[in-house]
Amino acid sequence: MLRRLGGKRAGLMVEQETQFYREDVMGQLNIKDAALIADARHLAERKGTSVTAALRAAVTAALALDAAAREQRVQAILAIGQAAAQLVPPGVTSDHADLYDEIGLPR
């Protein structure tokens, strides 16, 4: 993201705002958990791939499971809403105009 900086020159002076993670720049993880590092290496060895490829596959699988679980929760909530809507008798409204006068004050 660019932002304009003030200055005496008529031309534009812009500075790129720094972001902790930027998609256009390759990042690096610094993992300080020895057991996790060993597990990642073991997984890579078992899969016959690099540690990066093994971690990519594991993260992709975890994200897919998370997305599926979220979608399942959303569908369950929607089903509850649809079931609740069936309990409302026909003709019932939330119009409470009879409780207020013409300027909106309680009667």
N, C-alpha and C. Protein backbone atom coordinates (compact mmCIF):
# COMPACT_ATOMS: atom_id res chain seq x y z
N MET A 1 0.85 -1.16 0.00
CA MET A 1 0.00 0.00 0.00
C MET A 1 0.90 1.23 0.00
N LEU A 2 0.53 2.21 -0.78
CA LEU A 2 1.33 3.41 -0.87
C LEU A 2 0.63 4.54 -0.14
N ARG A 3 1.42 5.41 0.47
CA ARG A 3 0.84 6.59 1.08
C ARG A 3 1.64 7.80 0.65
N ARG A 4 0.98 8.91 0.55
CA ARG A 4 1.62 10.13 0.07
C ARG A 4 2.29 10.82 1.24
N LEU A 5 3.50 11.28 1.01
CA LEU A 5 4.24 12.02 2.01
C LEU A 5 4.23 13.49 1.66
N GLY A 6 4.13 14.35 2.66
CA GLY A 6 4.16 15.79 2.41
C GLY A 6 5.57 16.23 2.03
N GLY A 7 5.66 17.35 1.38
CA GLY A 7 6.97 17.86 0.99
C GLY A 7 6.83 19.11 0.17
N LYS A 8 7.95 19.79 -0.10
CA LYS A 8 7.93 21.04 -0.85
C LYS A 8 7.84 20.82 -2.35
N ARG A 9 8.29 19.69 -2.83
CA ARG A 9 8.31 19.44 -4.27
C ARG A 9 6.91 19.23 -4.81
N ALA A 10 6.73 19.63 -6.07
CA ALA A 10 5.42 19.45 -6.70
C ALA A 10 5.17 17.99 -7.05
N GLY A 11 6.22 17.24 -7.25
CA GLY A 11 6.07 15.83 -7.61
C GLY A 11 5.55 15.01 -6.44
N LEU A 12 5.11 13.80 -6.75
CA LEU A 12 4.62 12.91 -5.70
C LEU A 12 5.78 12.24 -5.00
N MET A 13 5.72 12.25 -3.72
CA MET A 13 6.67 11.47 -2.93
C MET A 13 5.85 10.39 -2.25
N VAL A 14 6.19 9.16 -2.51
CA VAL A 14 5.44 8.07 -1.90
C VAL A 14 6.40 7.14 -1.19
N GLU A 15 5.87 6.49 -0.21
CA GLU A 15 6.66 5.52 0.56
C GLU A 15 5.81 4.27 0.69
N GLN A 16 6.41 3.14 0.48
CA GLN A 16 5.66 1.91 0.62
C GLN A 16 5.59 1.56 2.10
N GLU A 17 4.35 1.36 2.57
CA GLU A 17 4.17 0.97 3.96
C GLU A 17 4.63 -0.46 4.12
N THR A 18 5.32 -0.72 5.18
CA THR A 18 5.81 -2.08 5.40
C THR A 18 4.72 -2.92 6.02
N GLN A 19 4.70 -4.15 5.66
CA GLN A 19 3.78 -5.11 6.23
C GLN A 19 4.61 -6.24 6.80
N PHE A 20 4.13 -6.83 7.87
CA PHE A 20 4.87 -7.92 8.46
C PHE A 20 5.00 -9.07 7.47
N TYR A 21 3.89 -9.40 6.81
CA TYR A 21 3.90 -10.43 5.78
C TYR A 21 3.39 -9.80 4.50
N ARG A 22 4.14 -9.90 3.46
CA ARG A 22 3.71 -9.41 2.17
C ARG A 22 3.69 -10.59 1.22
N GLU A 23 2.66 -10.66 0.40
CA GLU A 23 2.52 -11.80 -0.50
C GLU A 23 3.56 -11.82 -1.60
N ASP A 24 4.07 -10.65 -1.98
CA ASP A 24 5.01 -10.60 -3.10
C ASP A 24 6.45 -10.86 -2.68
N VAL A 25 6.70 -11.05 -1.40
CA VAL A 25 8.05 -11.29 -0.91
C VAL A 25 8.06 -12.64 -0.22
N MET A 26 9.04 -13.48 -0.58
CA MET A 26 9.13 -14.79 0.05
C MET A 26 9.48 -14.61 1.52
N GLY A 27 8.75 -15.26 2.39
CA GLY A 27 8.97 -15.16 3.81
C GLY A 27 9.82 -16.30 4.32
N GLN A 28 10.13 -16.21 5.57
CA GLN A 28 10.92 -17.26 6.21
C GLN A 28 10.34 -17.50 7.58
N LEU A 29 10.24 -18.75 7.95
CA LEU A 29 9.79 -19.11 9.29
C LEU A 29 11.02 -19.46 10.11
N ASN A 30 11.02 -19.02 11.33
CA ASN A 30 12.10 -19.36 12.24
C ASN A 30 11.49 -20.18 13.36
N ILE A 31 11.53 -21.48 13.20
CA ILE A 31 10.90 -22.38 14.16
C ILE A 31 11.92 -22.78 15.21
N LYS A 32 11.56 -22.54 16.46
CA LYS A 32 12.48 -22.82 17.55
C LYS A 32 12.02 -23.97 18.42
N ASP A 33 11.14 -24.78 17.87
CA ASP A 33 10.63 -25.95 18.58
C ASP A 33 11.32 -27.18 18.01
N ALA A 34 12.25 -27.74 18.76
CA ALA A 34 13.05 -28.86 18.28
C ALA A 34 12.19 -30.07 17.92
N ALA A 35 11.14 -30.33 18.70
CA ALA A 35 10.27 -31.47 18.42
C ALA A 35 9.51 -31.27 17.11
N LEU A 36 9.05 -30.05 16.87
CA LEU A 36 8.35 -29.76 15.62
C LEU A 36 9.28 -29.90 14.43
N ILE A 37 10.49 -29.43 14.56
CA ILE A 37 11.47 -29.56 13.48
C ILE A 37 11.74 -31.04 13.18
N ALA A 38 11.91 -31.81 14.24
CA ALA A 38 12.16 -33.25 14.06
C ALA A 38 10.96 -33.92 13.40
N ASP A 39 9.75 -33.55 13.83
CA ASP A 39 8.54 -34.13 13.23
C ASP A 39 8.43 -33.74 11.75
N ALA A 40 8.74 -32.51 11.43
CA ALA A 40 8.67 -32.06 10.03
C ALA A 40 9.68 -32.82 9.18
N ARG A 41 10.85 -33.01 9.70
CA ARG A 41 11.87 -33.77 8.95
C ARG A 41 11.45 -35.22 8.79
N HIS A 42 10.88 -35.79 9.85
CA HIS A 42 10.42 -37.17 9.80
C HIS A 42 9.29 -37.32 8.77
N LEU A 43 8.35 -36.38 8.78
CA LEU A 43 7.26 -36.41 7.81
C LEU A 43 7.80 -36.31 6.38
N ALA A 44 8.75 -35.42 6.18
CA ALA A 44 9.34 -35.26 4.83
C ALA A 44 10.03 -36.54 4.40
N GLU A 45 10.73 -37.16 5.32
CA GLU A 45 11.43 -38.40 5.00
C GLU A 45 10.44 -39.50 4.64
N ARG A 46 9.36 -39.62 5.41
CA ARG A 46 8.35 -40.65 5.15
C ARG A 46 7.65 -40.43 3.81
N LYS A 47 7.45 -39.14 3.45
CA LYS A 47 6.79 -38.83 2.18
C LYS A 47 7.76 -38.79 1.01
N GLY A 48 9.05 -38.79 1.31
CA GLY A 48 10.05 -38.74 0.25
C GLY A 48 10.10 -37.38 -0.43
N THR A 49 9.83 -36.33 0.35
CA THR A 49 9.83 -34.97 -0.19
C THR A 49 10.72 -34.08 0.65
N SER A 50 10.76 -32.82 0.28
CA SER A 50 11.50 -31.85 1.09
C SER A 50 10.66 -31.46 2.30
N VAL A 51 11.31 -30.87 3.28
CA VAL A 51 10.59 -30.40 4.46
C VAL A 51 9.56 -29.36 4.04
N THR A 52 9.93 -28.49 3.12
CA THR A 52 9.00 -27.46 2.64
C THR A 52 7.76 -28.08 2.02
N ALA A 53 7.95 -29.08 1.17
CA ALA A 53 6.81 -29.73 0.52
C ALA A 53 5.95 -30.47 1.54
N ALA A 54 6.56 -31.10 2.51
CA ALA A 54 5.81 -31.81 3.55
C ALA A 54 4.99 -30.83 4.38
N LEU A 55 5.60 -29.70 4.75
CA LEU A 55 4.88 -28.69 5.52
C LEU A 55 3.77 -28.06 4.70
N ARG A 56 4.03 -27.81 3.42
CA ARG A 56 3.00 -27.24 2.54
C ARG A 56 1.80 -28.17 2.50
N ALA A 57 2.04 -29.47 2.32
CA ALA A 57 0.96 -30.45 2.24
C ALA A 57 0.19 -30.52 3.56
N ALA A 58 0.93 -30.49 4.68
CA ALA A 58 0.28 -30.57 5.99
C ALA A 58 -0.57 -29.33 6.26
N VAL A 59 -0.05 -28.16 5.93
CA VAL A 59 -0.80 -26.92 6.15
C VAL A 59 -2.01 -26.87 5.23
N THR A 60 -1.85 -27.28 3.98
CA THR A 60 -2.97 -27.30 3.04
C THR A 60 -4.07 -28.23 3.53
N ALA A 61 -3.68 -29.40 4.02
CA ALA A 61 -4.67 -30.35 4.54
C ALA A 61 -5.37 -29.80 5.78
N ALA A 62 -4.62 -29.16 6.66
CA ALA A 62 -5.22 -28.58 7.88
C ALA A 62 -6.18 -27.46 7.52
N LEU A 63 -5.82 -26.63 6.55
CA LEU A 63 -6.72 -25.55 6.12
C LEU A 63 -8.00 -26.11 5.49
N ALA A 64 -7.87 -27.17 4.72
CA ALA A 64 -9.05 -27.79 4.10
C ALA A 64 -9.98 -28.36 5.17
N LEU A 65 -9.42 -29.02 6.18
CA LEU A 65 -10.23 -29.55 7.27
C LEU A 65 -10.92 -28.43 8.03
N ASP A 66 -10.19 -27.35 8.28
CA ASP A 66 -10.76 -26.21 8.99
C ASP A 66 -11.90 -25.58 8.19
N ALA A 67 -11.70 -25.42 6.89
CA ALA A 67 -12.75 -24.84 6.04
C ALA A 67 -13.99 -25.73 6.03
N ALA A 68 -13.78 -27.03 5.98
CA ALA A 68 -14.92 -27.96 5.98
C ALA A 68 -15.67 -27.89 7.31
N ALA A 69 -14.94 -27.81 8.41
CA ALA A 69 -15.57 -27.73 9.73
C ALA A 69 -16.35 -26.42 9.87
N ARG A 70 -15.77 -25.32 9.37
CA ARG A 70 -16.48 -24.04 9.42
C ARG A 70 -17.76 -24.09 8.60
N GLU A 71 -17.67 -24.65 7.41
CA GLU A 71 -18.85 -24.75 6.55
C GLU A 71 -19.92 -25.61 7.20
N GLN A 72 -19.52 -26.66 7.87
CA GLN A 72 -20.47 -27.53 8.56
C GLN A 72 -21.18 -26.76 9.68
N ARG A 73 -20.42 -25.93 10.42
CA ARG A 73 -21.03 -25.12 11.48
C ARG A 73 -22.00 -24.09 10.90
N VAL A 74 -21.63 -23.47 9.80
CA VAL A 74 -22.51 -22.49 9.15
C VAL A 74 -23.80 -23.16 8.72
N GLN A 75 -23.70 -24.33 8.11
CA GLN A 75 -24.90 -25.04 7.66
C GLN A 75 -25.78 -25.43 8.85
N ALA A 76 -25.17 -25.82 9.97
CA ALA A 76 -25.94 -26.17 11.16
C ALA A 76 -26.68 -24.95 11.71
N ILE A 77 -26.03 -23.81 11.72
CA ILE A 77 -26.67 -22.58 12.19
C ILE A 77 -27.81 -22.18 11.27
N LEU A 78 -27.59 -22.28 9.96
CA LEU A 78 -28.66 -21.97 9.01
C LEU A 78 -29.85 -22.90 9.20
N ALA A 79 -29.59 -24.17 9.46
CA ALA A 79 -30.67 -25.14 9.68
C ALA A 79 -31.47 -24.78 10.93
N ILE A 80 -30.79 -24.32 11.97
CA ILE A 80 -31.48 -23.89 13.20
C ILE A 80 -32.38 -22.69 12.89
N GLY A 81 -31.86 -21.75 12.11
CA GLY A 81 -32.65 -20.59 11.73
C GLY A 81 -33.87 -20.96 10.92
N GLN A 82 -33.70 -21.90 9.98
CA GLN A 82 -34.84 -22.33 9.16
C GLN A 82 -35.88 -23.06 10.02
N ALA A 83 -35.42 -23.88 10.96
CA ALA A 83 -36.34 -24.58 11.84
C ALA A 83 -37.09 -23.59 12.73
N ALA A 84 -36.41 -22.58 13.22
CA ALA A 84 -37.04 -21.57 14.07
C ALA A 84 -38.07 -20.77 13.26
N ALA A 85 -37.77 -20.48 12.01
CA ALA A 85 -38.70 -19.74 11.17
C ALA A 85 -40.00 -20.51 10.97
N GLN A 86 -39.94 -21.82 10.96
CA GLN A 86 -41.14 -22.64 10.80
C GLN A 86 -42.05 -22.58 12.02
N LEU A 87 -41.51 -22.19 13.17
CA LEU A 87 -42.28 -22.13 14.40
C LEU A 87 -43.11 -20.86 14.52
N VAL A 88 -42.82 -19.85 13.70
CA VAL A 88 -43.54 -18.58 13.76
C VAL A 88 -44.86 -18.74 13.01
N PRO A 89 -45.98 -18.48 13.70
CA PRO A 89 -47.29 -18.63 13.04
C PRO A 89 -47.46 -17.64 11.89
N PRO A 90 -48.22 -18.00 10.88
CA PRO A 90 -48.47 -17.09 9.76
C PRO A 90 -49.15 -15.81 10.23
N GLY A 91 -48.79 -14.69 9.64
CA GLY A 91 -49.41 -13.42 9.97
C GLY A 91 -48.76 -12.67 11.12
N VAL A 92 -47.85 -13.31 11.83
CA VAL A 92 -47.17 -12.64 12.94
C VAL A 92 -46.12 -11.69 12.37
N THR A 93 -46.12 -10.47 12.88
CA THR A 93 -45.13 -9.48 12.42
C THR A 93 -44.43 -8.87 13.62
N SER A 94 -43.44 -8.08 13.33
CA SER A 94 -42.75 -7.35 14.40
C SER A 94 -43.18 -5.89 14.41
N ASP A 95 -44.33 -5.59 13.80
CA ASP A 95 -44.85 -4.23 13.76
C ASP A 95 -45.48 -3.90 15.11
N HIS A 96 -44.93 -2.91 15.78
CA HIS A 96 -45.44 -2.49 17.08
C HIS A 96 -45.92 -1.04 17.03
N ALA A 97 -46.46 -0.66 15.87
CA ALA A 97 -46.90 0.72 15.67
C ALA A 97 -47.98 1.12 16.66
N ASP A 98 -48.77 0.15 17.13
CA ASP A 98 -49.84 0.47 18.07
C ASP A 98 -49.30 0.89 19.44
N LEU A 99 -48.03 0.65 19.70
CA LEU A 99 -47.45 1.01 21.00
C LEU A 99 -46.88 2.42 21.03
N TYR A 100 -46.79 3.08 19.85
CA TYR A 100 -46.14 4.38 19.75
C TYR A 100 -47.03 5.39 19.06
N ASP A 101 -46.87 6.67 19.42
CA ASP A 101 -47.67 7.71 18.75
C ASP A 101 -47.02 8.11 17.43
N GLU A 102 -47.56 9.16 16.78
CA GLU A 102 -47.11 9.54 15.45
C GLU A 102 -45.70 10.10 15.41
N ILE A 103 -45.13 10.52 16.57
CA ILE A 103 -43.75 11.01 16.57
C ILE A 103 -42.78 10.00 17.19
N GLY A 104 -43.27 8.80 17.47
CA GLY A 104 -42.42 7.72 17.93
C GLY A 104 -42.28 7.56 19.43
N LEU A 105 -43.07 8.33 20.19
CA LEU A 105 -43.01 8.20 21.65
C LEU A 105 -44.00 7.13 22.12
N PRO A 106 -43.68 6.46 23.22
CA PRO A 106 -44.61 5.44 23.73
C PRO A 106 -45.96 6.06 24.08
N ARG A 107 -47.03 5.31 23.84
CA ARG A 107 -48.38 5.78 24.17
C ARG A 107 -48.65 5.65 25.64
